[in-house]
Amino acid sequence: MLTFGGILVNGQLKVTFPILLCFLFFIACQGRDDTRFEIRREVKALFRKADTVKSSTIRERTIDSAAAKLYTSDNDSIRRELIFNVAARYEELGARDKYITACRVVYNKAKQQHDTVDWAQASSWIGDFYVAEMRSDSAFKYYLQAEKIYRSIKDEESVGRAMLGKATVLYHTGNFSEGVNQAIQALQVLKDSDDHFLRYNGYLMTALSLKEVKDYSKALDYFDLSAAEIDQLEKQGDFPLSYLHSYRAGYFNNMGTIYERLGSYDRAVDYYNSGLKIKQPYQKSAELYATLLNNMAYAQMKNGAPKGVREKMLRAYFIRDSIQSMPGIVSSKIKIGELDLLEHDTTSALRNFKEGFDLARKIHASAEMLQTLKLLTEHDKKNKDHFSKLYFKVNDSVQAVERATQNKFARIAYETDQIQEQNELLSRRNKIIITVAALLLLVAISGIAILRLRSKNKELLYAQQQQQANEKIYQLILKQQSETEAARNEERNRIAMELHDGIVNSIFTTRFNLMQLDTASTDRKDQLVQELEKTEQDVRKVSHDLQNSLFVENKGMVAMLSQLVAAQQNDSQTEFDVSVDKYIDWGTVSDAHKIHVYRIVQEAIQNVHKYAQAKRCLVMLLKTDQKITLRIWDNGVGFNPEKAKQGIGLRNIRTRAEALGGVLKISSEPNNGTTVAVIF
């Protein structure tokens, strides 16, 4: 016979070590699974609640509750997936600080569990955050880490995505040549990818970097390739049209800037104008509209068609000022200043250039700082030397930063490799230590468990032997009671027979002889005859009573129940009554079963006292076919059996009903009374 902890051999529980380990592992996993799915249900419920709430404040608080449950819970893939969901919802709400917190939590949890997929995804998300925060070195480090992890698991598409993240960082830090190389390498990785949005970003980043290194011909080609990917996204039909329109408008703007740099102002104006014809995105992207409008006005000015140019530039400036787009305001100031120069309004031009320089310095826009300083040096004759020195100072500073930046990312890559190697070595050592410690702990736990099981086995054997001894004693007592009862019945029958056959007959004979006598004293004779007749009847009654004594004893159970019920009284003035079917043969019911019946009635009556508040309670015992039905009914307040089924009283009644080999039925509803029935 197999058991969970071992094998039962000759009544002894023999524990086997492998089976014990499996059992302990199963119990531990089962408990964790229950908790895991409970947390998942709670968090999913909070997500659904957040989705139905319109207030962003309440939505954020609801997501905070989900995050609190997940951050402190166990570390498994389901919880990490839910934390990613939390991060995405924070991003949607614009809660940037909470977004990065969620990303760092899932990053640390995934790293701790060596879950490469979650680890890499968290690294990529953190990189995205630092790009938006303009923290280029941190963004590059996390993108590089994501790339290495994705390469290790051969996820080519994700490798390409991480490489595009690095290319974006390089572009924004002015490392355009490195940005071109990184973007092209990413496109080579993504050459077989069906993700058109990813490929669009790859072509776009390559084209933007090529534009900055003045390779305009290739830049135009890559911009056209990005436009082809936009067409593919539109054909798929599952990409938001508003985004597609924005991407297409951006394409027209980029193409226009290249032709503007090439001096093809007519073509530049055509591209800008094509972008402006796309009306839909400007409800959400006023900056893009202002950029196109400002660029088209500038190209028209450079093409010698100044009519309406100032109105367009001022309109673009006011849009940028209303949305506080600082880089856009700088661009507008520079272009309006150049228009002032064209219209010979030097004073206004210098004012715009100075305002543009001050704002560019404030936002650390080095390219615009140099552009405005160059214009001021050329046209502010009075302060030419000042602005010239400032130009060279800023230019030297910018070049120094560029040189430092060019080496910084190579250093980050090297240091990341070194740290990764050290972490892998430390991780291997920690694994060995943890494994050895876990094995020792498992052996210790197993040893304790074995000792406990052996001790339990001894207790079970002792209990089994005690039970067997008790059963033997009980059987002997029953046998003795049976023999005593048989002897008592036999003696009663013998006495009854002696009384009937001996004394009764003798009295009858005497009475008969007296009746035959002829005597003068008739009255005296009749009196003696009557006395003998009465004595005969009394002896006969004693004989009959002795023979029926067993029947009288069968009435004992009824008397006990009647006495129990008659003794009941409570504050609710409940009227108790008992009814016992006379056809029940209590002689066929064992003493043990009689005790169970008595205790069930006693427990049920006690519950009526405590809870029912009934006006009447009836205890009935009925003979039904070969069964006996015990029913206790009251007209009290009732209860919910499902909620109360774990109560001690009902559990005891259920246990006794099972001991009777019977069926327990409880029928009750609030305010509709209660019926407890046991059929055995």
Foldseek 3Di string as FASTA:
>chain_A
DDDQQADQDPLFGDGDLVSNVVSVVVVVVVVVVVVVVVLVVVLVVLQVVLVVDPDLVVSLVSLVVNCVSLLPDDQDPSSLVSLQVSLVVCVVSVVLVVNLVSLVSSLVSCVVVVVLVSNLVSLQVNLVSVVVVLVLLSSLLSLLVSLVSCVVVVVLLSNLVSLLSNLSSCVVLVVLVVSLVSLVVSCVSCVVPPPLVSNLSSLQSNLSSCVVVVVLVVSLVSLVVSLVSLVVVVVVVPDDVLVSLVSQLVSLQSNLVSCVVVVVLVSSLVSLVVSLVSPRNCVPCVLSNLSSLLSNLLSCVSVVNNVPSVVSLVVSLVSCVVVVVLVSNLVSLQSVLVVCVVVVNNVSSLVSLVVSLVSCVVVVVLVSVLVSLVVCLVRVVVCNVVSVVVNVVSVVVSVVSSVVVVVSSVVSSVVSVVVVVVVVVVVVVVVVVVVVVVVVVSVVVSVVVVVVSSVVSVVVVVVVVVVVVVVVVVVVVVVVVVVVVVVLLVVLLVVLCCLVVPVLVVLVVVLVVLVVDDDPPPVVSVVSSVVSVVVSVVSNVSSVCSNCVVVVVQCVLVVVLQVLQVPDDAPLREAEEEEEDPPDRCVVPDPLLSVLLSVLVVLVVVCCRVPFSFNYKYWYWDDDPPKIKTKIWTQGQWDDCVVCCPPPSNVSNVVSLVVVVWDWDWDTDGNGTIMIMTID
